[in-house]
Amino acid sequence: MVRQIADLRTISSLIAAVLFLILISLIGFGSAVVYSIARLQSNIQDVYVNPFAVSNAGMDAHVTLSQLHIHMLEILLAKDSNRVEQQLSDIMALDKNLRKDFSIVKSGFQGDSEKIVEIDHLLDDWQNMRVQLVSLVRLGHRDQALTLATGGGIKLTVSWKRR
């Protein structure tokens, strides 16, 4: 009888040890699965979400640039100084949006960094040209502003659209 009790204790200990090993194994596998899912989420973020945000920002920048171009044409054609000032306030807001979108593109762009620098210079050149055009329009030199827009302005717009 004593031997049967000892055998039962041995069997109970063995079953407890096996259950403990199964529990440890489940915790280990569960931890590995959680780690793998976290790594997968990070990979999806890097491969899909960030380039998608950069692509969307690039498209938004392109639309904003077209809107800026239209507003500049409206300034050149405006006969009322109040209309010019209204267009200027719209241009300031659009330029702010353009810079914000371009900063997203700049931070997430994975291609040739020289293209980003080149586009940054084009944006600065175009902003300088807008300032010159507006000052000429404000001074009443609309013909000179049109000449500037059809000369350098078109070249800058074509350069931008190629990028």
Foldseek 3Di string as FASTA:
>chain_A
DVVVVVVVVVVVVVVVVVVVVVVVVVVVVVVVVVVVVVVVVVVCCLPPVLVVLLVVLVVLLVVLVVVLVVLLVCLLVDPDVVSNVVSVVVNVVSLVSNVVSLVSNLVRPDDDNVVSVVLVVLSVVLVVLSVVLSVCVVVVNSVVSVVSCVPVVVVSVVVNVVD
